[in-house]
mmCIF file of all heavy atoms, coordinates in Angstrom:
data_MODEL
# 
_entry.id   MODEL 
# 
loop_
_atom_site.group_PDB 
_atom_site.id 
_atom_site.type_symbol 
_atom_site.label_atom_id 
_atom_site.label_alt_id 
_atom_site.label_comp_id 
_atom_site.label_asym_id 
_atom_site.label_entity_id 
_atom_site.label_seq_id 
_atom_site.pdbx_PDB_ins_code 
_atom_site.Cartn_x 
_atom_site.Cartn_y 
_atom_site.Cartn_z 
_atom_site.occupancy 
_atom_site.B_iso_or_equiv 
_atom_site.pdbx_formal_charge 
_atom_site.auth_seq_id 
_atom_site.auth_comp_id 
_atom_site.auth_asym_id 
_atom_site.auth_atom_id 
_atom_site.pdbx_PDB_model_num 
ATOM 1   N N   . GLY A 1 1  ? -147.090 -190.245 -22.088 1.00 0.00 ? 1  GLY A N   1 
ATOM 2   C CA  . GLY A 1 1  ? -148.083 -190.927 -21.269 1.00 0.00 ? 1  GLY A CA  1 
ATOM 3   C C   . GLY A 1 1  ? -148.587 -192.228 -21.863 1.00 0.00 ? 1  GLY A C   1 
ATOM 4   O O   . GLY A 1 1  ? -148.871 -193.173 -21.146 1.00 0.00 ? 1  GLY A O   1 
ATOM 5   N N   . SER A 1 2  ? -148.694 -192.307 -23.196 1.00 0.00 ? 2  SER A N   1 
ATOM 6   C CA  . SER A 1 2  ? -149.174 -193.519 -23.858 1.00 0.00 ? 2  SER A CA  1 
ATOM 7   C C   . SER A 1 2  ? -148.447 -193.674 -25.192 1.00 0.00 ? 2  SER A C   1 
ATOM 8   O O   . SER A 1 2  ? -148.968 -193.291 -26.243 1.00 0.00 ? 2  SER A O   1 
ATOM 9   C CB  . SER A 1 2  ? -150.686 -193.423 -24.084 1.00 0.00 ? 2  SER A CB  1 
ATOM 10  O OG  . SER A 1 2  ? -151.156 -194.572 -24.738 1.00 0.00 ? 2  SER A OG  1 
ATOM 11  N N   . PRO A 1 3  ? -147.227 -194.225 -25.163 1.00 0.00 ? 3  PRO A N   1 
ATOM 12  C CA  . PRO A 1 3  ? -146.434 -194.330 -26.396 1.00 0.00 ? 3  PRO A CA  1 
ATOM 13  C C   . PRO A 1 3  ? -147.139 -194.979 -27.596 1.00 0.00 ? 3  PRO A C   1 
ATOM 14  O O   . PRO A 1 3  ? -146.917 -194.552 -28.723 1.00 0.00 ? 3  PRO A O   1 
ATOM 15  C CB  . PRO A 1 3  ? -145.213 -195.137 -25.958 1.00 0.00 ? 3  PRO A CB  1 
ATOM 16  C CG  . PRO A 1 3  ? -145.058 -194.802 -24.519 1.00 0.00 ? 3  PRO A CG  1 
ATOM 17  C CD  . PRO A 1 3  ? -146.471 -194.690 -24.002 1.00 0.00 ? 3  PRO A CD  1 
ATOM 18  N N   . PRO A 1 4  ? -148.008 -195.992 -27.422 1.00 0.00 ? 4  PRO A N   1 
ATOM 19  C CA  . PRO A 1 4  ? -148.621 -196.577 -28.623 1.00 0.00 ? 4  PRO A CA  1 
ATOM 20  C C   . PRO A 1 4  ? -149.776 -195.740 -29.195 1.00 0.00 ? 4  PRO A C   1 
ATOM 21  O O   . PRO A 1 4  ? -150.321 -196.077 -30.246 1.00 0.00 ? 4  PRO A O   1 
ATOM 22  C CB  . PRO A 1 4  ? -149.130 -197.937 -28.143 1.00 0.00 ? 4  PRO A CB  1 
ATOM 23  C CG  . PRO A 1 4  ? -149.370 -197.754 -26.689 1.00 0.00 ? 4  PRO A CG  1 
ATOM 24  C CD  . PRO A 1 4  ? -148.327 -196.771 -26.226 1.00 0.00 ? 4  PRO A CD  1 
ATOM 25  N N   . ALA A 1 5  ? -150.148 -194.663 -28.529 1.00 0.00 ? 5  ALA A N   1 
ATOM 26  C CA  . ALA A 1 5  ? -151.283 -193.859 -28.991 1.00 0.00 ? 5  ALA A CA  1 
ATOM 27  C C   . ALA A 1 5  ? -150.983 -193.198 -30.336 1.00 0.00 ? 5  ALA A C   1 
ATOM 28  O O   . ALA A 1 5  ? -149.843 -192.885 -30.656 1.00 0.00 ? 5  ALA A O   1 
ATOM 29  C CB  . ALA A 1 5  ? -151.626 -192.791 -27.954 1.00 0.00 ? 5  ALA A CB  1 
ATOM 30  N N   . LYS A 1 6  ? -152.018 -193.012 -31.098 1.00 0.00 ? 6  LYS A N   1 
ATOM 31  C CA  . LYS A 1 6  ? -151.910 -192.244 -32.340 1.00 0.00 ? 6  LYS A CA  1 
ATOM 32  C C   . LYS A 1 6  ? -152.352 -190.818 -32.014 1.00 0.00 ? 6  LYS A C   1 
ATOM 33  O O   . LYS A 1 6  ? -153.261 -190.621 -31.219 1.00 0.00 ? 6  LYS A O   1 
ATOM 34  C CB  . LYS A 1 6  ? -152.789 -192.847 -33.415 1.00 0.00 ? 6  LYS A CB  1 
ATOM 35  C CG  . LYS A 1 6  ? -152.317 -194.210 -33.871 1.00 0.00 ? 6  LYS A CG  1 
ATOM 36  C CD  . LYS A 1 6  ? -153.263 -194.781 -34.897 1.00 0.00 ? 6  LYS A CD  1 
ATOM 37  C CE  . LYS A 1 6  ? -152.788 -196.081 -35.469 1.00 0.00 ? 6  LYS A CE  1 
ATOM 38  N NZ  . LYS A 1 6  ? -152.593 -197.153 -34.533 1.00 0.00 ? 6  LYS A NZ  1 
ATOM 39  N N   . ILE A 1 7  ? -151.688 -189.844 -32.618 1.00 0.00 ? 7  ILE A N   1 
ATOM 40  C CA  . ILE A 1 7  ? -152.033 -188.457 -32.307 1.00 0.00 ? 7  ILE A CA  1 
ATOM 41  C C   . ILE A 1 7  ? -152.423 -187.701 -33.575 1.00 0.00 ? 7  ILE A C   1 
ATOM 42  O O   . ILE A 1 7  ? -152.021 -188.047 -34.688 1.00 0.00 ? 7  ILE A O   1 
ATOM 43  C CB  . ILE A 1 7  ? -150.887 -187.716 -31.605 1.00 0.00 ? 7  ILE A CB  1 
ATOM 44  C CG1 . ILE A 1 7  ? -149.651 -187.651 -32.496 1.00 0.00 ? 7  ILE A CG1 1 
ATOM 45  C CG2 . ILE A 1 7  ? -150.550 -188.359 -30.278 1.00 0.00 ? 7  ILE A CG2 1 
ATOM 46  C CD1 . ILE A 1 7  ? -148.590 -186.713 -31.992 1.00 0.00 ? 7  ILE A CD1 1 
ATOM 47  N N   . ALA A 1 8  ? -153.232 -186.694 -33.380 1.00 0.00 ? 8  ALA A N   1 
ATOM 48  C CA  . ALA A 1 8  ? -153.558 -185.733 -34.424 1.00 0.00 ? 8  ALA A CA  1 
ATOM 49  C C   . ALA A 1 8  ? -153.282 -184.367 -33.805 1.00 0.00 ? 8  ALA A C   1 
ATOM 50  O O   . ALA A 1 8  ? -153.613 -184.136 -32.644 1.00 0.00 ? 8  ALA A O   1 
ATOM 51  C CB  . ALA A 1 8  ? -155.020 -185.853 -34.835 1.00 0.00 ? 8  ALA A CB  1 
ATOM 52  N N   . VAL A 1 9  ? -152.668 -183.493 -34.553 1.00 0.00 ? 9  VAL A N   1 
ATOM 53  C CA  . VAL A 1 9  ? -152.319 -182.169 -34.034 1.00 0.00 ? 9  VAL A CA  1 
ATOM 54  C C   . VAL A 1 9  ? -153.098 -181.130 -34.828 1.00 0.00 ? 9  VAL A C   1 
ATOM 55  O O   . VAL A 1 9  ? -153.128 -181.171 -36.061 1.00 0.00 ? 9  VAL A O   1 
ATOM 56  C CB  . VAL A 1 9  ? -150.800 -181.920 -34.148 1.00 0.00 ? 9  VAL A CB  1 
ATOM 57  C CG1 . VAL A 1 9  ? -150.448 -180.531 -33.661 1.00 0.00 ? 9  VAL A CG1 1 
ATOM 58  C CG2 . VAL A 1 9  ? -150.029 -182.967 -33.369 1.00 0.00 ? 9  VAL A CG2 1 
ATOM 59  N N   . TYR A 1 10 ? -153.704 -180.195 -34.126 1.00 0.00 ? 10 TYR A N   1 
ATOM 60  C CA  . TYR A 1 10 ? -154.478 -179.140 -34.746 1.00 0.00 ? 10 TYR A CA  1 
ATOM 61  C C   . TYR A 1 10 ? -153.861 -177.803 -34.354 1.00 0.00 ? 10 TYR A C   1 
ATOM 62  O O   . TYR A 1 10 ? -153.807 -177.476 -33.170 1.00 0.00 ? 10 TYR A O   1 
ATOM 63  C CB  . TYR A 1 10 ? -155.938 -179.197 -34.277 1.00 0.00 ? 10 TYR A CB  1 
ATOM 64  C CG  . TYR A 1 10 ? -156.569 -180.556 -34.502 1.00 0.00 ? 10 TYR A CG  1 
ATOM 65  C CD1 . TYR A 1 10 ? -156.464 -181.551 -33.538 1.00 0.00 ? 10 TYR A CD1 1 
ATOM 66  C CD2 . TYR A 1 10 ? -157.230 -180.839 -35.684 1.00 0.00 ? 10 TYR A CD2 1 
ATOM 67  C CE1 . TYR A 1 10 ? -157.017 -182.810 -33.750 1.00 0.00 ? 10 TYR A CE1 1 
ATOM 68  C CE2 . TYR A 1 10 ? -157.800 -182.093 -35.896 1.00 0.00 ? 10 TYR A CE2 1 
ATOM 69  C CZ  . TYR A 1 10 ? -157.684 -183.068 -34.922 1.00 0.00 ? 10 TYR A CZ  1 
ATOM 70  O OH  . TYR A 1 10 ? -158.233 -184.306 -35.133 1.00 0.00 ? 10 TYR A OH  1 
ATOM 71  N N   . LYS A 1 11 ? -153.394 -177.052 -35.317 1.00 0.00 ? 11 LYS A N   1 
ATOM 72  C CA  . LYS A 1 11 ? -152.762 -175.767 -35.025 1.00 0.00 ? 11 LYS A CA  1 
ATOM 73  C C   . LYS A 1 11 ? -153.847 -174.706 -34.882 1.00 0.00 ? 11 LYS A C   1 
ATOM 74  O O   . LYS A 1 11 ? -154.636 -174.474 -35.796 1.00 0.00 ? 11 LYS A O   1 
ATOM 75  C CB  . LYS A 1 11 ? -151.799 -175.376 -36.140 1.00 0.00 ? 11 LYS A CB  1 
ATOM 76  C CG  . LYS A 1 11 ? -151.074 -174.081 -35.836 1.00 0.00 ? 11 LYS A CG  1 
ATOM 77  C CD  . LYS A 1 11 ? -150.046 -173.750 -36.875 1.00 0.00 ? 11 LYS A CD  1 
ATOM 78  C CE  . LYS A 1 11 ? -149.385 -172.441 -36.497 1.00 0.00 ? 11 LYS A CE  1 
ATOM 79  N NZ  . LYS A 1 11 ? -148.307 -172.101 -37.405 1.00 0.00 ? 11 LYS A NZ  1 
ATOM 80  N N   . VAL A 1 12 ? -153.869 -174.055 -33.713 1.00 0.00 ? 12 VAL A N   1 
ATOM 81  C CA  . VAL A 1 12 ? -154.893 -173.040 -33.468 1.00 0.00 ? 12 VAL A CA  1 
ATOM 82  C C   . VAL A 1 12 ? -154.306 -171.646 -33.235 1.00 0.00 ? 12 VAL A C   1 
ATOM 83  O O   . VAL A 1 12 ? -155.048 -170.681 -33.189 1.00 0.00 ? 12 VAL A O   1 
ATOM 84  C CB  . VAL A 1 12 ? -155.809 -173.427 -32.280 1.00 0.00 ? 12 VAL A CB  1 
ATOM 85  C CG1 . VAL A 1 12 ? -156.543 -174.718 -32.579 1.00 0.00 ? 12 VAL A CG1 1 
ATOM 86  C CG2 . VAL A 1 12 ? -155.022 -173.538 -30.999 1.00 0.00 ? 12 VAL A CG2 1 
ATOM 87  N N   . CYS A 1 13 ? -153.003 -171.560 -33.064 1.00 0.00 ? 13 CYS A N   1 
ATOM 88  C CA  . CYS A 1 13 ? -152.376 -170.266 -32.785 1.00 0.00 ? 13 CYS A CA  1 
ATOM 89  C C   . CYS A 1 13 ? -151.290 -169.973 -33.818 1.00 0.00 ? 13 CYS A C   1 
ATOM 90  O O   . CYS A 1 13 ? -150.652 -170.886 -34.333 1.00 0.00 ? 13 CYS A O   1 
ATOM 91  C CB  . CYS A 1 13 ? -151.726 -170.261 -31.401 1.00 0.00 ? 13 CYS A CB  1 
ATOM 92  S SG  . CYS A 1 13 ? -152.869 -170.583 -30.052 1.00 0.00 ? 13 CYS A SG  1 
ATOM 93  N N   . ASP A 1 14 ? -151.089 -168.695 -34.074 1.00 0.00 ? 14 ASP A N   1 
ATOM 94  C CA  . ASP A 1 14 ? -149.934 -168.281 -34.853 1.00 0.00 ? 14 ASP A CA  1 
ATOM 95  C C   . ASP A 1 14 ? -149.060 -167.422 -33.940 1.00 0.00 ? 14 ASP A C   1 
ATOM 96  O O   . ASP A 1 14 ? -149.277 -167.368 -32.730 1.00 0.00 ? 14 ASP A O   1 
ATOM 97  C CB  . ASP A 1 14 ? -150.346 -167.544 -36.134 1.00 0.00 ? 14 ASP A CB  1 
ATOM 98  C CG  . ASP A 1 14 ? -151.178 -166.287 -35.872 1.00 0.00 ? 14 ASP A CG  1 
ATOM 99  O OD1 . ASP A 1 14 ? -151.065 -165.699 -34.778 1.00 0.00 ? 14 ASP A OD1 1 
ATOM 100 O OD2 . ASP A 1 14 ? -151.926 -165.885 -36.774 1.00 0.00 ? 14 ASP A OD2 1 
ATOM 101 N N   . GLU A 1 15 ? -148.094 -166.744 -34.496 1.00 0.00 ? 15 GLU A N   1 
ATOM 102 C CA  . GLU A 1 15 ? -147.167 -165.960 -33.675 1.00 0.00 ? 15 GLU A CA  1 
ATOM 103 C C   . GLU A 1 15 ? -147.866 -164.819 -32.935 1.00 0.00 ? 15 GLU A C   1 
ATOM 104 O O   . GLU A 1 15 ? -147.400 -164.350 -31.905 1.00 0.00 ? 15 GLU A O   1 
ATOM 105 C CB  . GLU A 1 15 ? -146.046 -165.377 -34.541 1.00 0.00 ? 15 GLU A CB  1 
ATOM 106 C CG  . GLU A 1 15 ? -145.112 -166.410 -35.131 1.00 0.00 ? 15 GLU A CG  1 
ATOM 107 C CD  . GLU A 1 15 ? -145.703 -167.102 -36.355 1.00 0.00 ? 15 GLU A CD  1 
ATOM 108 O OE1 . GLU A 1 15 ? -146.562 -166.523 -37.059 1.00 0.00 ? 15 GLU A OE1 1 
ATOM 109 O OE2 . GLU A 1 15 ? -145.317 -168.262 -36.604 1.00 0.00 ? 15 GLU A OE2 1 
ATOM 110 N N   . ASP A 1 16 ? -148.999 -164.350 -33.463 1.00 0.00 ? 16 ASP A N   1 
ATOM 111 C CA  . ASP A 1 16 ? -149.654 -163.172 -32.908 1.00 0.00 ? 16 ASP A CA  1 
ATOM 112 C C   . ASP A 1 16 ? -150.845 -163.464 -32.016 1.00 0.00 ? 16 ASP A C   1 
ATOM 113 O O   . ASP A 1 16 ? -151.115 -162.728 -31.073 1.00 0.00 ? 16 ASP A O   1 
ATOM 114 C CB  . ASP A 1 16 ? -150.119 -162.245 -34.048 1.00 0.00 ? 16 ASP A CB  1 
ATOM 115 C CG  . ASP A 1 16 ? -148.962 -161.776 -34.899 1.00 0.00 ? 16 ASP A CG  1 
ATOM 116 O OD1 . ASP A 1 16 ? -147.895 -161.488 -34.332 1.00 0.00 ? 16 ASP A OD1 1 
ATOM 117 O OD2 . ASP A 1 16 ? -149.129 -161.710 -36.133 1.00 0.00 ? 16 ASP A OD2 1 
ATOM 118 N N   . ASP A 1 17 ? -151.584 -164.532 -32.301 1.00 0.00 ? 17 ASP A N   1 
ATOM 119 C CA  . ASP A 1 17 ? -152.858 -164.678 -31.614 1.00 0.00 ? 17 ASP A CA  1 
ATOM 120 C C   . ASP A 1 17 ? -153.384 -166.107 -31.711 1.00 0.00 ? 17 ASP A C   1 
ATOM 121 O O   . ASP A 1 17 ? -152.953 -166.880 -32.557 1.00 0.00 ? 17 ASP A O   1 
ATOM 122 C CB  . ASP A 1 17 ? -153.881 -163.724 -32.243 1.00 0.00 ? 17 ASP A CB  1 
ATOM 123 C CG  . ASP A 1 17 ? -155.084 -163.479 -31.365 1.00 0.00 ? 17 ASP A CG  1 
ATOM 124 O OD1 . ASP A 1 17 ? -155.057 -163.860 -30.178 1.00 0.00 ? 17 ASP A OD1 1 
ATOM 125 O OD2 . ASP A 1 17 ? -156.064 -162.897 -31.861 1.00 0.00 ? 17 ASP A OD2 1 
ATOM 126 N N   . CYS A 1 18 ? -154.314 -166.414 -30.848 1.00 0.00 ? 18 CYS A N   1 
ATOM 127 C CA  . CYS A 1 18 ? -155.083 -167.649 -30.902 1.00 0.00 ? 18 CYS A CA  1 
ATOM 128 C C   . CYS A 1 18 ? -156.538 -167.228 -31.076 1.00 0.00 ? 18 CYS A C   1 
ATOM 129 O O   . CYS A 1 18 ? -157.175 -166.806 -30.123 1.00 0.00 ? 18 CYS A O   1 
ATOM 130 C CB  . CYS A 1 18 ? -154.915 -168.457 -29.616 1.00 0.00 ? 18 CYS A CB  1 
ATOM 131 S SG  . CYS A 1 18 ? -153.226 -168.913 -29.241 1.00 0.00 ? 18 CYS A SG  1 
ATOM 132 N N   . ARG A 1 19 ? -157.035 -167.312 -32.274 1.00 0.00 ? 19 ARG A N   1 
ATOM 133 C CA  . ARG A 1 19 ? -158.380 -166.824 -32.575 1.00 0.00 ? 19 ARG A CA  1 
ATOM 134 C C   . ARG A 1 19 ? -159.443 -167.835 -32.150 1.00 0.00 ? 19 ARG A C   1 
ATOM 135 O O   . ARG A 1 19 ? -159.308 -169.038 -32.365 1.00 0.00 ? 19 ARG A O   1 
ATOM 136 C CB  . ARG A 1 19 ? -158.511 -166.514 -34.051 1.00 0.00 ? 19 ARG A CB  1 
ATOM 137 C CG  . ARG A 1 19 ? -157.517 -165.468 -34.526 1.00 0.00 ? 19 ARG A CG  1 
ATOM 138 C CD  . ARG A 1 19 ? -157.943 -164.896 -35.851 1.00 0.00 ? 19 ARG A CD  1 
ATOM 139 N NE  . ARG A 1 19 ? -156.936 -164.051 -36.453 1.00 0.00 ? 19 ARG A NE  1 
ATOM 140 C CZ  . ARG A 1 19 ? -156.542 -162.872 -36.007 1.00 0.00 ? 19 ARG A CZ  1 
ATOM 141 N NH1 . ARG A 1 19 ? -157.048 -162.397 -34.903 1.00 0.00 ? 19 ARG A NH1 1 
ATOM 142 N NH2 . ARG A 1 19 ? -155.635 -162.163 -36.627 1.00 0.00 ? 19 ARG A NH2 1 
ATOM 143 N N   . SER A 1 20 ? -160.503 -167.318 -31.574 1.00 0.00 ? 20 SER A N   1 
ATOM 144 C CA  . SER A 1 20 ? -161.579 -168.169 -31.055 1.00 0.00 ? 20 SER A CA  1 
ATOM 145 C C   . SER A 1 20 ? -162.182 -169.046 -32.128 1.00 0.00 ? 20 SER A C   1 
ATOM 146 O O   . SER A 1 20 ? -162.423 -170.236 -31.913 1.00 0.00 ? 20 SER A O   1 
ATOM 147 C CB  . SER A 1 20 ? -162.674 -167.301 -30.428 1.00 0.00 ? 20 SER A CB  1 
ATOM 148 O OG  . SER A 1 20 ? -162.159 -166.590 -29.344 1.00 0.00 ? 20 SER A OG  1 
ATOM 149 N N   . ARG A 1 21 ? -162.434 -168.497 -33.308 1.00 0.00 ? 21 ARG A N   1 
ATOM 150 C CA  . ARG A 1 21 ? -163.084 -169.281 -34.363 1.00 0.00 ? 21 ARG A CA  1 
ATOM 151 C C   . ARG A 1 21 ? -162.205 -170.442 -34.817 1.00 0.00 ? 21 ARG A C   1 
ATOM 152 O O   . ARG A 1 21 ? -162.695 -171.527 -35.111 1.00 0.00 ? 21 ARG A O   1 
ATOM 153 C CB  . ARG A 1 21 ? -163.491 -168.403 -35.539 1.00 0.00 ? 21 ARG A CB  1 
ATOM 154 C CG  . ARG A 1 21 ? -162.353 -167.777 -36.285 1.00 0.00 ? 21 ARG A CG  1 
ATOM 155 C CD  . ARG A 1 21 ? -162.859 -166.894 -37.446 1.00 0.00 ? 21 ARG A CD  1 
ATOM 156 N NE  . ARG A 1 21 ? -161.772 -166.181 -38.042 1.00 0.00 ? 21 ARG A NE  1 
ATOM 157 C CZ  . ARG A 1 21 ? -160.909 -166.709 -38.912 1.00 0.00 ? 21 ARG A CZ  1 
ATOM 158 N NH1 . ARG A 1 21 ? -161.036 -167.964 -39.275 1.00 0.00 ? 21 ARG A NH1 1 
ATOM 159 N NH2 . ARG A 1 21 ? -159.936 -165.982 -39.421 1.00 0.00 ? 21 ARG A NH2 1 
ATOM 160 N N   . ILE A 1 22 ? -160.876 -170.233 -34.841 1.00 0.00 ? 22 ILE A N   1 
ATOM 161 C CA  . ILE A 1 22 ? -159.968 -171.308 -35.243 1.00 0.00 ? 22 ILE A CA  1 
ATOM 162 C C   . ILE A 1 22 ? -159.928 -172.384 -34.155 1.00 0.00 ? 22 ILE A C   1 
ATOM 163 O O   . ILE A 1 22 ? -159.934 -173.579 -34.440 1.00 0.00 ? 22 ILE A O   1 
ATOM 164 C CB  . ILE A 1 22 ? -158.566 -170.757 -35.546 1.00 0.00 ? 22 ILE A CB  1 
ATOM 165 C CG1 . ILE A 1 22 ? -158.648 -169.797 -36.743 1.00 0.00 ? 22 ILE A CG1 1 
ATOM 166 C CG2 . ILE A 1 22 ? -157.578 -171.870 -35.808 1.00 0.00 ? 22 ILE A CG2 1 
ATOM 167 C CD1 . ILE A 1 22 ? -157.370 -169.029 -37.014 1.00 0.00 ? 22 ILE A CD1 1 
ATOM 168 N N   . LEU A 1 23 ? -159.908 -171.961 -32.895 1.00 0.00 ? 23 LEU A N   1 
ATOM 169 C CA  . LEU A 1 23 ? -159.919 -172.905 -31.779 1.00 0.00 ? 23 LEU A CA  1 
ATOM 170 C C   . LEU A 1 23 ? -161.189 -173.759 -31.813 1.00 0.00 ? 23 LEU A C   1 
ATOM 171 O O   . LEU A 1 23 ? -161.128 -174.991 -31.701 1.00 0.00 ? 23 LEU A O   1 
ATOM 172 C CB  . LEU A 1 23 ? -159.822 -172.153 -30.456 1.00 0.00 ? 23 LEU A CB  1 
ATOM 173 C CG  . LEU A 1 23 ? -159.955 -172.990 -29.194 1.00 0.00 ? 23 LEU A CG  1 
ATOM 174 C CD1 . LEU A 1 23 ? -158.758 -173.904 -29.023 1.00 0.00 ? 23 LEU A CD1 1 
ATOM 175 C CD2 . LEU A 1 23 ? -160.119 -172.098 -27.980 1.00 0.00 ? 23 LEU A CD2 1 
ATOM 176 N N   . LEU A 1 24 ? -162.338 -173.125 -31.994 1.00 0.00 ? 24 LEU A N   1 
ATOM 177 C CA  . LEU A 1 24 ? -163.602 -173.865 -32.030 1.00 0.00 ? 24 LEU A CA  1 
ATOM 178 C C   . LEU A 1 24 ? -163.663 -174.787 -33.246 1.00 0.00 ? 24 LEU A C   1 
ATOM 179 O O   . LEU A 1 24 ? -164.188 -175.903 -33.160 1.00 0.00 ? 24 LEU A O   1 
ATOM 180 C CB  . LEU A 1 24 ? -164.779 -172.896 -32.003 1.00 0.00 ? 24 LEU A CB  1 
ATOM 181 C CG  . LEU A 1 24 ? -164.939 -172.146 -30.674 1.00 0.00 ? 24 LEU A CG  1 
ATOM 182 C CD1 . LEU A 1 24 ? -165.980 -171.040 -30.805 1.00 0.00 ? 24 LEU A CD1 1 
ATOM 183 C CD2 . LEU A 1 24 ? -165.286 -173.098 -29.544 1.00 0.00 ? 24 LEU A CD2 1 
# 
């Protein structure tokens, strides 16, 4: 959508679950 944009990626899920505290 915006090739010149800079991105940051935050991992919130593992193979088993997406925990609320990690998401928040």
